[in-house]
Amino acid sequence: MSTINREEVARVAALALIDLTEEELDRFAVELQVIAQAVITVSAVATADIPATSHPIPMANVMRDDVPGTPLSVEAALSGAPVAQSGRFAVPQILGDEA
């Protein structure tokens, strides 16, 4: 079983150019060891006859069918607009005349 100690955490942090305090080195060494142990436990249970999954329950596409419908008329689309001009939404100008 591999162990992750504070020296290993310090080495990886130095490679990643991350400054860690002494307390962070101790805390991360413990937390990473717990994670490594969990991976070992799962790896021991996962065998070739168990299919890999990304979700514990089967997932299906829940999107509706793409069925063409009747589009909104220009009047209906613009009915909720605060300001409309020449059959278009009117918005404040954000660029100068040079654009």
PDB file of N, CA and C in Angstrom:
ATOM      1  N   MET A   1       0.840  -1.176   0.000  1.00  0.00           N
ATOM      2  CA  MET A   1       0.000   0.000   0.000  1.00  0.00           C
ATOM      3  C   MET A   1       0.883   1.236   0.000  1.00  0.00           C
ATOM      4  N   SER A   2       0.581   2.170  -0.907  1.00  0.00           N
ATOM      5  CA  SER A   2       1.369   3.397  -0.958  1.00  0.00           C
ATOM      6  C   SER A   2       0.886   4.359   0.107  1.00  0.00           C
ATOM      7  N   THR A   3       1.818   5.128   0.595  1.00  0.00           N
ATOM      8  CA  THR A   3       1.466   6.140   1.581  1.00  0.00           C
ATOM      9  C   THR A   3       1.830   7.509   1.036  1.00  0.00           C
ATOM     10  N   ILE A   4       1.023   8.457   1.365  1.00  0.00           N
ATOM     11  CA  ILE A   4       1.301   9.831   0.966  1.00  0.00           C
ATOM     12  C   ILE A   4       1.665  10.583   2.232  1.00  0.00           C
ATOM     13  N   ASN A   5       2.917  11.000   2.300  1.00  0.00           N
ATOM     14  CA  ASN A   5       3.372  11.716   3.482  1.00  0.00           C
ATOM     15  C   ASN A   5       3.581  13.193   3.149  1.00  0.00           C
ATOM     16  N   ARG A   6       3.926  13.963   4.153  1.00  0.00           N
ATOM     17  CA  ARG A   6       4.054  15.414   3.947  1.00  0.00           C
ATOM     18  C   ARG A   6       5.198  15.756   3.007  1.00  0.00           C
ATOM     19  N   GLU A   7       6.247  14.918   2.957  1.00  0.00           N
ATOM     20  CA  GLU A   7       7.361  15.179   2.044  1.00  0.00           C
ATOM     21  C   GLU A   7       6.909  15.022   0.586  1.00  0.00           C
ATOM     22  N   GLU A   8       6.052  14.022   0.342  1.00  0.00           N
ATOM     23  CA  GLU A   8       5.517  13.822  -0.999  1.00  0.00           C
ATOM     24  C   GLU A   8       4.605  14.985  -1.387  1.00  0.00           C
ATOM     25  N   VAL A   9       3.788  15.445  -0.469  1.00  0.00           N
ATOM     26  CA  VAL A   9       2.918  16.597  -0.730  1.00  0.00           C
ATOM     27  C   VAL A   9       3.767  17.836  -1.009  1.00  0.00           C
ATOM     28  N   ALA A  10       4.824  18.040  -0.233  1.00  0.00           N
ATOM     29  CA  ALA A  10       5.710  19.195  -0.435  1.00  0.00           C
ATOM     30  C   ALA A  10       6.392  19.113  -1.792  1.00  0.00           C
ATOM     31  N   ARG A  11       6.799  17.916  -2.219  1.00  0.00           N
ATOM     32  CA  ARG A  11       7.463  17.753  -3.513  1.00  0.00           C
ATOM     33  C   ARG A  11       6.522  18.079  -4.662  1.00  0.00           C
ATOM     34  N   VAL A  12       5.295  17.566  -4.590  1.00  0.00           N
ATOM     35  CA  VAL A  12       4.325  17.823  -5.649  1.00  0.00           C
ATOM     36  C   VAL A  12       3.916  19.295  -5.651  1.00  0.00           C
ATOM     37  N   ALA A  13       3.773  19.899  -4.477  1.00  0.00           N
ATOM     38  CA  ALA A  13       3.424  21.320  -4.395  1.00  0.00           C
ATOM     39  C   ALA A  13       4.538  22.169  -5.005  1.00  0.00           C
ATOM     40  N   ALA A  14       5.785  21.799  -4.761  1.00  0.00           N
ATOM     41  CA  ALA A  14       6.901  22.543  -5.345  1.00  0.00           C
ATOM     42  C   ALA A  14       6.912  22.408  -6.858  1.00  0.00           C
ATOM     43  N   LEU A  15       6.616  21.212  -7.375  1.00  0.00           N
ATOM     44  CA  LEU A  15       6.542  21.025  -8.821  1.00  0.00           C
ATOM     45  C   LEU A  15       5.435  21.872  -9.435  1.00  0.00           C
ATOM     46  N   ALA A  16       4.329  22.033  -8.709  1.00  0.00           N
ATOM     47  CA  ALA A  16       3.198  22.818  -9.193  1.00  0.00           C
ATOM     48  C   ALA A  16       3.336  24.299  -8.852  1.00  0.00           C
ATOM     49  N   LEU A  17       4.453  24.655  -8.219  1.00  0.00           N
ATOM     50  CA  LEU A  17       4.706  26.048  -7.807  1.00  0.00           C
ATOM     51  C   LEU A  17       3.611  26.572  -6.880  1.00  0.00           C
ATOM     52  N   ILE A  18       3.231  25.724  -5.911  1.00  0.00           N
ATOM     53  CA  ILE A  18       2.218  26.097  -4.926  1.00  0.00           C
ATOM     54  C   ILE A  18       2.901  26.193  -3.572  1.00  0.00           C
ATOM     55  N   ASP A  19       2.768  27.343  -2.942  1.00  0.00           N
ATOM     56  CA  ASP A  19       3.324  27.525  -1.596  1.00  0.00           C
ATOM     57  C   ASP A  19       2.325  27.031  -0.565  1.00  0.00           C
ATOM     58  N   LEU A  20       2.730  26.083   0.254  1.00  0.00           N
ATOM     59  CA  LEU A  20       1.868  25.557   1.306  1.00  0.00           C
ATOM     60  C   LEU A  20       2.518  25.807   2.654  1.00  0.00           C
ATOM     61  N   THR A  21       1.686  26.094   3.648  1.00  0.00           N
ATOM     62  CA  THR A  21       2.188  26.264   5.006  1.00  0.00           C
ATOM     63  C   THR A  21       2.452  24.882   5.604  1.00  0.00           C
ATOM     64  N   GLU A  22       3.111  24.869   6.751  1.00  0.00           N
ATOM     65  CA  GLU A  22       3.380  23.597   7.436  1.00  0.00           C
ATOM     66  C   GLU A  22       2.068  22.892   7.807  1.00  0.00           C
ATOM     67  N   GLU A  23       1.084  23.676   8.242  1.00  0.00           N
ATOM     68  CA  GLU A  23      -0.210  23.099   8.609  1.00  0.00           C
ATOM     69  C   GLU A  23      -0.913  22.512   7.386  1.00  0.00           C
ATOM     70  N   GLU A  24      -0.818  23.206   6.241  1.00  0.00           N
ATOM     71  CA  GLU A  24      -1.440  22.701   5.018  1.00  0.00           C
ATOM     72  C   GLU A  24      -0.767  21.417   4.553  1.00  0.00           C
ATOM     73  N   LEU A  25       0.552  21.332   4.678  1.00  0.00           N
ATOM     74  CA  LEU A  25       1.263  20.110   4.303  1.00  0.00           C
ATOM     75  C   LEU A  25       0.768  18.924   5.125  1.00  0.00           C
ATOM     76  N   ASP A  26       0.629  19.142   6.437  1.00  0.00           N
ATOM     77  CA  ASP A  26       0.158  18.058   7.307  1.00  0.00           C
ATOM     78  C   ASP A  26      -1.288  17.676   6.976  1.00  0.00           C
ATOM     79  N   ARG A  27      -2.149  18.686   6.789  1.00  0.00           N
ATOM     80  CA  ARG A  27      -3.557  18.419   6.513  1.00  0.00           C
ATOM     81  C   ARG A  27      -3.746  17.719   5.168  1.00  0.00           C
ATOM     82  N   PHE A  28      -3.059  18.208   4.121  1.00  0.00           N
ATOM     83  CA  PHE A  28      -3.203  17.602   2.799  1.00  0.00           C
ATOM     84  C   PHE A  28      -2.633  16.188   2.763  1.00  0.00           C
ATOM     85  N   ALA A  29      -1.582  15.925   3.517  1.00  0.00           N
ATOM     86  CA  ALA A  29      -1.028  14.569   3.553  1.00  0.00           C
ATOM     87  C   ALA A  29      -2.070  13.595   4.094  1.00  0.00           C
ATOM     88  N   VAL A  30      -2.765  13.994   5.144  1.00  0.00           N
ATOM     89  CA  VAL A  30      -3.803  13.133   5.726  1.00  0.00           C
ATOM     90  C   VAL A  30      -4.973  12.980   4.757  1.00  0.00           C
ATOM     91  N   GLU A  31      -5.439  14.097   4.176  1.00  0.00           N
ATOM     92  CA  GLU A  31      -6.595  14.042   3.281  1.00  0.00           C
ATOM     93  C   GLU A  31      -6.290  13.230   2.018  1.00  0.00           C
ATOM     94  N   LEU A  32      -5.111  13.402   1.454  1.00  0.00           N
ATOM     95  CA  LEU A  32      -4.750  12.654   0.253  1.00  0.00           C
ATOM     96  C   LEU A  32      -4.570  11.170   0.553  1.00  0.00           C
ATOM     97  N   GLN A  33      -4.114  10.840   1.749  1.00  0.00           N
ATOM     98  CA  GLN A  33      -3.994   9.437   2.131  1.00  0.00           C
ATOM     99  C   GLN A  33      -5.373   8.791   2.225  1.00  0.00           C
ATOM    100  N   VAL A  34      -6.359   9.531   2.732  1.00  0.00           N
ATOM    101  CA  VAL A  34      -7.734   9.019   2.815  1.00  0.00           C
ATOM    102  C   VAL A  34      -8.272   8.786   1.401  1.00  0.00           C
ATOM    103  N   ILE A  35      -8.014   9.717   0.498  1.00  0.00           N
ATOM    104  CA  ILE A  35      -8.474   9.564  -0.891  1.00  0.00           C
ATOM    105  C   ILE A  35      -7.799   8.363  -1.545  1.00  0.00           C
ATOM    106  N   ALA A  36      -6.492   8.230  -1.352  1.00  0.00           N
ATOM    107  CA  ALA A  36      -5.765   7.102  -1.937  1.00  0.00           C
ATOM    108  C   ALA A  36      -6.304   5.773  -1.399  1.00  0.00           C
ATOM    109  N   GLN A  37      -6.626   5.727  -0.118  1.00  0.00           N
ATOM    110  CA  GLN A  37      -7.167   4.498   0.471  1.00  0.00           C
ATOM    111  C   GLN A  37      -8.539   4.179  -0.120  1.00  0.00           C
ATOM    112  N   ALA A  38      -9.352   5.193  -0.375  1.00  0.00           N
ATOM    113  CA  ALA A  38     -10.665   4.970  -0.984  1.00  0.00           C
ATOM    114  C   ALA A  38     -10.507   4.411  -2.392  1.00  0.00           C
ATOM    115  N   VAL A  39      -9.533   4.915  -3.149  1.00  0.00           N
ATOM    116  CA  VAL A  39      -9.286   4.393  -4.498  1.00  0.00           C
ATOM    117  C   VAL A  39      -8.842   2.936  -4.425  1.00  0.00           C
ATOM    118  N   ILE A  40      -8.011   2.598  -3.478  1.00  0.00           N
ATOM    119  CA  ILE A  40      -7.559   1.213  -3.306  1.00  0.00           C
ATOM    120  C   ILE A  40      -8.746   0.312  -2.977  1.00  0.00           C
ATOM    121  N   THR A  41      -9.634   0.776  -2.117  1.00  0.00           N
ATOM    122  CA  THR A  41     -10.810  -0.015  -1.736  1.00  0.00           C
ATOM    123  C   THR A  41     -11.716  -0.258  -2.938  1.00  0.00           C
ATOM    124  N   VAL A  42     -11.982   0.786  -3.711  1.00  0.00           N
ATOM    125  CA  VAL A  42     -12.837   0.633  -4.889  1.00  0.00           C
ATOM    126  C   VAL A  42     -12.164  -0.264  -5.919  1.00  0.00           C
ATOM    127  N   SER A  43     -10.860  -0.108  -6.104  1.00  0.00           N
ATOM    128  CA  SER A  43     -10.133  -0.935  -7.069  1.00  0.00           C
ATOM    129  C   SER A  43     -10.177  -2.411  -6.690  1.00  0.00           C
ATOM    130  N   ALA A  44     -10.199  -2.695  -5.416  1.00  0.00           N
ATOM    131  CA  ALA A  44     -10.257  -4.083  -4.974  1.00  0.00           C
ATOM    132  C   ALA A  44     -11.611  -4.706  -5.288  1.00  0.00           C
ATOM    133  N   VAL A  45     -12.664  -3.907  -5.281  1.00  0.00           N
ATOM    134  CA  VAL A  45     -14.007  -4.417  -5.536  1.00  0.00           C
ATOM    135  C   VAL A  45     -14.296  -4.478  -7.033  1.00  0.00           C
ATOM    136  N   ALA A  46     -13.785  -3.517  -7.783  1.00  0.00           N
ATOM    137  CA  ALA A  46     -14.051  -3.453  -9.219  1.00  0.00           C
ATOM    138  C   ALA A  46     -13.274  -4.554  -9.930  1.00  0.00           C
ATOM    139  N   THR A  47     -14.012  -5.504 -10.487  1.00  0.00           N
ATOM    140  CA  THR A  47     -13.387  -6.604 -11.213  1.00  0.00           C
ATOM    141  C   THR A  47     -13.823  -6.545 -12.673  1.00  0.00           C
ATOM    142  N   ALA A  48     -13.253  -7.397 -13.489  1.00  0.00           N
ATOM    143  CA  ALA A  48     -13.519  -7.383 -14.925  1.00  0.00           C
ATOM    144  C   ALA A  48     -14.980  -7.691 -15.249  1.00  0.00           C
ATOM    145  N   ASP A  49     -15.666  -8.440 -14.387  1.00  0.00           N
ATOM    146  CA  ASP A  49     -17.060  -8.791 -14.670  1.00  0.00           C
ATOM    147  C   ASP A  49     -18.057  -7.707 -14.256  1.00  0.00           C
ATOM    148  N   ILE A  50     -17.568  -6.612 -13.671  1.00  0.00           N
ATOM    149  CA  ILE A  50     -18.433  -5.489 -13.302  1.00  0.00           C
ATOM    150  C   ILE A  50     -18.215  -4.373 -14.311  1.00  0.00           C
ATOM    151  N   PRO A  51     -19.255  -3.992 -15.071  1.00  0.00           N
ATOM    152  CA  PRO A  51     -19.067  -2.945 -16.075  1.00  0.00           C
ATOM    153  C   PRO A  51     -18.849  -1.584 -15.423  1.00  0.00           C
ATOM    154  N   ALA A  52     -18.017  -0.780 -16.063  1.00  0.00           N
ATOM    155  CA  ALA A  52     -17.764   0.571 -15.573  1.00  0.00           C
ATOM    156  C   ALA A  52     -18.993   1.437 -15.812  1.00  0.00           C
ATOM    157  N   THR A  53     -19.311   2.291 -14.863  1.00  0.00           N
ATOM    158  CA  THR A  53     -20.446   3.192 -15.003  1.00  0.00           C
ATOM    159  C   THR A  53     -20.047   4.591 -14.553  1.00  0.00           C
ATOM    160  N   SER A  54     -20.754   5.580 -15.080  1.00  0.00           N
ATOM    161  CA  SER A  54     -20.510   6.945 -14.630  1.00  0.00           C
ATOM    162  C   SER A  54     -21.610   7.409 -13.685  1.00  0.00           C
ATOM    163  N   HIS A  55     -22.728   6.651 -13.631  1.00  0.00           N
ATOM    164  CA  HIS A  55     -23.845   6.983 -12.758  1.00  0.00           C
ATOM    165  C   HIS A  55     -24.341   5.705 -12.085  1.00  0.00           C
ATOM    166  N   PRO A  56     -24.827   5.812 -10.865  1.00  0.00           N
ATOM    167  CA  PRO A  56     -25.311   4.611 -10.182  1.00  0.00           C
ATOM    168  C   PRO A  56     -26.618   4.080 -10.747  1.00  0.00           C
ATOM    169  N   ILE A  57     -27.370   4.910 -11.456  1.00  0.00           N
ATOM    170  CA  ILE A  57     -28.619   4.466 -12.071  1.00  0.00           C
ATOM    171  C   ILE A  57     -28.535   4.736 -13.569  1.00  0.00           C
ATOM    172  N   PRO A  58     -29.233   3.956 -14.382  1.00  0.00           N
ATOM    173  CA  PRO A  58     -29.180   4.181 -15.831  1.00  0.00           C
ATOM    174  C   PRO A  58     -29.702   5.571 -16.192  1.00  0.00           C
ATOM    175  N   MET A  59     -29.018   6.217 -17.099  1.00  0.00           N
ATOM    176  CA  MET A  59     -29.422   7.544 -17.554  1.00  0.00           C
ATOM    177  C   MET A  59     -29.919   7.447 -18.992  1.00  0.00           C
ATOM    178  N   ALA A  60     -30.928   8.225 -19.313  1.00  0.00           N
ATOM    179  CA  ALA A  60     -31.463   8.278 -20.673  1.00  0.00           C
ATOM    180  C   ALA A  60     -31.576   9.737 -21.075  1.00  0.00           C
ATOM    181  N   ASN A  61     -31.528   9.977 -22.364  1.00  0.00           N
ATOM    182  CA  ASN A  61     -31.679  11.324 -22.869  1.00  0.00           C
ATOM    183  C   ASN A  61     -33.105  11.788 -22.568  1.00  0.00           C
ATOM    184  N   VAL A  62     -33.230  12.892 -21.879  1.00  0.00           N
ATOM    185  CA  VAL A  62     -34.547  13.368 -21.472  1.00  0.00           C
ATOM    186  C   VAL A  62     -35.022  14.548 -22.316  1.00  0.00           C
ATOM    187  N   MET A  63     -34.336  14.799 -23.414  1.00  0.00           N
ATOM    188  CA  MET A  63     -34.732  15.910 -24.274  1.00  0.00           C
ATOM    189  C   MET A  63     -35.914  15.500 -25.146  1.00  0.00           C
ATOM    190  N   ARG A  64     -36.762  16.457 -25.437  1.00  0.00           N
ATOM    191  CA  ARG A  64     -37.913  16.174 -26.290  1.00  0.00           C
ATOM    192  C   ARG A  64     -37.470  16.092 -27.741  1.00  0.00           C
ATOM    193  N   ASP A  65     -38.311  15.500 -28.569  1.00  0.00           N
ATOM    194  CA  ASP A  65     -38.027  15.420 -29.999  1.00  0.00           C
ATOM    195  C   ASP A  65     -38.012  16.822 -30.599  1.00  0.00           C
ATOM    196  N   ASP A  66     -37.151  17.017 -31.577  1.00  0.00           N
ATOM    197  CA  ASP A  66     -37.056  18.288 -32.272  1.00  0.00           C
ATOM    198  C   ASP A  66     -38.071  18.282 -33.408  1.00  0.00           C
ATOM    199  N   VAL A  67     -39.246  18.844 -33.120  1.00  0.00           N
ATOM    200  CA  VAL A  67     -40.342  18.839 -34.082  1.00  0.00           C
ATOM    201  C   VAL A  67     -40.582  20.278 -34.534  1.00  0.00           C
ATOM    202  N   PRO A  68     -40.540  20.523 -35.833  1.00  0.00           N
ATOM    203  CA  PRO A  68     -40.791  21.896 -36.290  1.00  0.00           C
ATOM    204  C   PRO A  68     -42.207  22.325 -35.963  1.00  0.00           C
ATOM    205  N   GLY A  69     -42.337  23.586 -35.581  1.00  0.00           N
ATOM    206  CA  GLY A  69     -43.651  24.116 -35.257  1.00  0.00           C
ATOM    207  C   GLY A  69     -43.869  25.439 -35.971  1.00  0.00           C
ATOM    208  N   THR A  70     -44.954  26.065 -35.670  1.00  0.00           N
ATOM    209  CA  THR A  70     -45.271  27.352 -36.276  1.00  0.00           C
ATOM    210  C   THR A  70     -44.482  28.441 -35.546  1.00  0.00           C
ATOM    211  N   PRO A  71     -43.700  29.239 -36.277  1.00  0.00           N
ATOM    212  CA  PRO A  71     -42.925  30.294 -35.613  1.00  0.00           C
ATOM    213  C   PRO A  71     -43.832  31.450 -35.194  1.00  0.00           C
ATOM    214  N   LEU A  72     -43.325  32.257 -34.288  1.00  0.00           N
ATOM    215  CA  LEU A  72     -44.062  33.442 -33.869  1.00  0.00           C
ATOM    216  C   LEU A  72     -44.085  34.454 -35.004  1.00  0.00           C
ATOM    217  N   SER A  73     -45.145  35.203 -35.062  1.00  0.00           N
ATOM    218  CA  SER A  73     -45.178  36.311 -36.018  1.00  0.00           C
ATOM    219  C   SER A  73     -44.293  37.431 -35.471  1.00  0.00           C
ATOM    220  N   VAL A  74     -43.939  38.353 -36.341  1.00  0.00           N
ATOM    221  CA  VAL A  74     -43.110  39.483 -35.910  1.00  0.00           C
ATOM    222  C   VAL A  74     -43.834  40.255 -34.814  1.00  0.00           C
ATOM    223  N   GLU A  75     -45.119  40.462 -34.970  1.00  0.00           N
ATOM    224  CA  GLU A  75     -45.894  41.209 -33.985  1.00  0.00           C
ATOM    225  C   GLU A  75     -45.901  40.492 -32.628  1.00  0.00           C
ATOM    226  N   ALA A  76     -46.076  39.176 -32.649  1.00  0.00           N
ATOM    227  CA  ALA A  76     -46.100  38.415 -31.400  1.00  0.00           C
ATOM    228  C   ALA A  76     -44.730  38.433 -30.730  1.00  0.00           C
ATOM    229  N   ALA A  77     -43.659  38.318 -31.512  1.00  0.00           N
ATOM    230  CA  ALA A  77     -42.314  38.329 -30.949  1.00  0.00           C
ATOM    231  C   ALA A  77     -41.995  39.684 -30.334  1.00  0.00           C
ATOM    232  N   LEU A  78     -42.443  40.746 -30.952  1.00  0.00           N
ATOM    233  CA  LEU A  78     -42.145  42.097 -30.468  1.00  0.00           C
ATOM    234  C   LEU A  78     -43.157  42.595 -29.440  1.00  0.00           C
ATOM    235  N   SER A  79     -44.196  41.823 -29.154  1.00  0.00           N
ATOM    236  CA  SER A  79     -45.258  42.286 -28.266  1.00  0.00           C
ATOM    237  C   SER A  79     -44.767  42.566 -26.844  1.00  0.00           C
ATOM    238  N   GLY A  80     -43.739  41.898 -26.391  1.00  0.00           N
ATOM    239  CA  GLY A  80     -43.231  42.119 -25.038  1.00  0.00           C
ATOM    240  C   GLY A  80     -42.031  43.040 -24.988  1.00  0.00           C
ATOM    241  N   ALA A  81     -41.594  43.534 -26.126  1.00  0.00           N
ATOM    242  CA  ALA A  81     -40.412  44.398 -26.165  1.00  0.00           C
ATOM    243  C   ALA A  81     -40.758  45.789 -25.656  1.00  0.00           C
ATOM    244  N   PRO A  82     -39.884  46.385 -24.834  1.00  0.00           N
ATOM    245  CA  PRO A  82     -40.148  47.746 -24.370  1.00  0.00           C
ATOM    246  C   PRO A  82     -40.199  48.742 -25.527  1.00  0.00           C
ATOM    247  N   VAL A  83     -39.301  48.551 -26.513  1.00  0.00           N
ATOM    248  CA  VAL A  83     -39.249  49.448 -27.666  1.00  0.00           C
ATOM    249  C   VAL A  83     -38.993  48.614 -28.907  1.00  0.00           C
ATOM    250  N   ALA A  84     -39.792  48.845 -29.937  1.00  0.00           N
ATOM    251  CA  ALA A  84     -39.592  48.183 -31.225  1.00  0.00           C
ATOM    252  C   ALA A  84     -39.563  49.259 -32.298  1.00  0.00           C
ATOM    253  N   GLN A  85     -38.762  49.013 -33.331  1.00  0.00           N
ATOM    254  CA  GLN A  85     -38.639  49.995 -34.409  1.00  0.00           C
ATOM    255  C   GLN A  85     -38.426  49.251 -35.722  1.00  0.00           C
ATOM    256  N   SER A  86     -39.239  49.520 -36.704  1.00  0.00           N
ATOM    257  CA  SER A  86     -39.137  48.915 -38.039  1.00  0.00           C
ATOM    258  C   SER A  86     -39.141  47.388 -37.981  1.00  0.00           C
ATOM    259  N   GLY A  87     -39.963  46.815 -37.118  1.00  0.00           N
ATOM    260  CA  GLY A  87     -40.071  45.365 -37.029  1.00  0.00           C
ATOM    261  C   GLY A  87     -38.894  44.693 -36.346  1.00  0.00           C
ATOM    262  N   ARG A  88     -38.153  45.442 -35.550  1.00  0.00           N
ATOM    263  CA  ARG A  88     -36.988  44.892 -34.838  1.00  0.00           C
ATOM    264  C   ARG A  88     -36.987  45.392 -33.402  1.00  0.00           C
ATOM    265  N   PHE A  89     -36.244  44.676 -32.538  1.00  0.00           N
ATOM    266  CA  PHE A  89     -36.042  45.151 -31.178  1.00  0.00           C
ATOM    267  C   PHE A  89     -35.160  46.390 -31.233  1.00  0.00           C
ATOM    268  N   ALA A  90     -35.527  47.434 -30.518  1.00  0.00           N
ATOM    269  CA  ALA A  90     -34.709  48.643 -30.442  1.00  0.00           C
ATOM    270  C   ALA A  90     -33.899  48.579 -29.152  1.00  0.00           C
ATOM    271  N   VAL A  91     -32.586  48.714 -29.270  1.00  0.00           N
ATOM    272  CA  VAL A  91     -31.689  48.667 -28.118  1.00  0.00           C
ATOM    273  C   VAL A  91     -30.800  49.893 -28.138  1.00  0.00           C
ATOM    274  N   PRO A  92     -30.258  50.282 -26.978  1.00  0.00           N
ATOM    275  CA  PRO A  92     -29.377  51.435 -26.953  1.00  0.00           C
ATOM    276  C   PRO A  92     -28.099  51.167 -27.760  1.00  0.00           C
ATOM    277  N   GLN A  93     -27.611  52.199 -28.421  1.00  0.00           N
ATOM    278  CA  GLN A  93     -26.370  52.071 -29.186  1.00  0.00           C
ATOM    279  C   GLN A  93     -25.200  51.971 -28.218  1.00  0.00           C
ATOM    280  N   ILE A  94     -24.334  50.983 -28.424  1.00  0.00           N
ATOM    281  CA  ILE A  94     -23.177  50.823 -27.545  1.00  0.00           C
ATOM    282  C   ILE A  94     -21.875  51.114 -28.258  1.00  0.00           C
ATOM    283  N   LEU A  95     -21.886  51.158 -29.568  1.00  0.00           N
ATOM    284  CA  LEU A  95     -20.697  51.482 -30.343  1.00  0.00           C
ATOM    285  C   LEU A  95     -20.883  52.838 -30.991  1.00  0.00           C
ATOM    286  N   GLY A  96     -19.787  53.503 -31.224  1.00  0.00           N
ATOM    287  CA  GLY A  96     -19.853  54.794 -31.875  1.00  0.00           C
ATOM    288  C   GLY A  96     -20.133  54.658 -33.362  1.00  0.00           C
ATOM    289  N   ASP A  97     -20.199  55.794 -34.049  1.00  0.00           N
ATOM    290  CA  ASP A  97     -20.478  55.793 -35.491  1.00  0.00           C
ATOM    291  C   ASP A  97     -19.351  55.180 -36.303  1.00  0.00           C
ATOM    292  N   GLU A  98     -18.144  55.069 -35.719  1.00  0.00           N
ATOM    293  CA  GLU A  98     -17.001  54.540 -36.466  1.00  0.00           C
ATOM    294  C   GLU A  98     -17.053  53.037 -36.653  1.00  0.00           C
ATOM    295  N   ALA A  99     -17.945  52.352 -35.942  1.00  0.00           N
ATOM    296  CA  ALA A  99     -17.992  50.894 -36.037  1.00  0.00           C
ATOM    297  C   ALA A  99     -18.651  50.421 -37.298  1.00  0.00           C
TER     298      ALA A  99
END
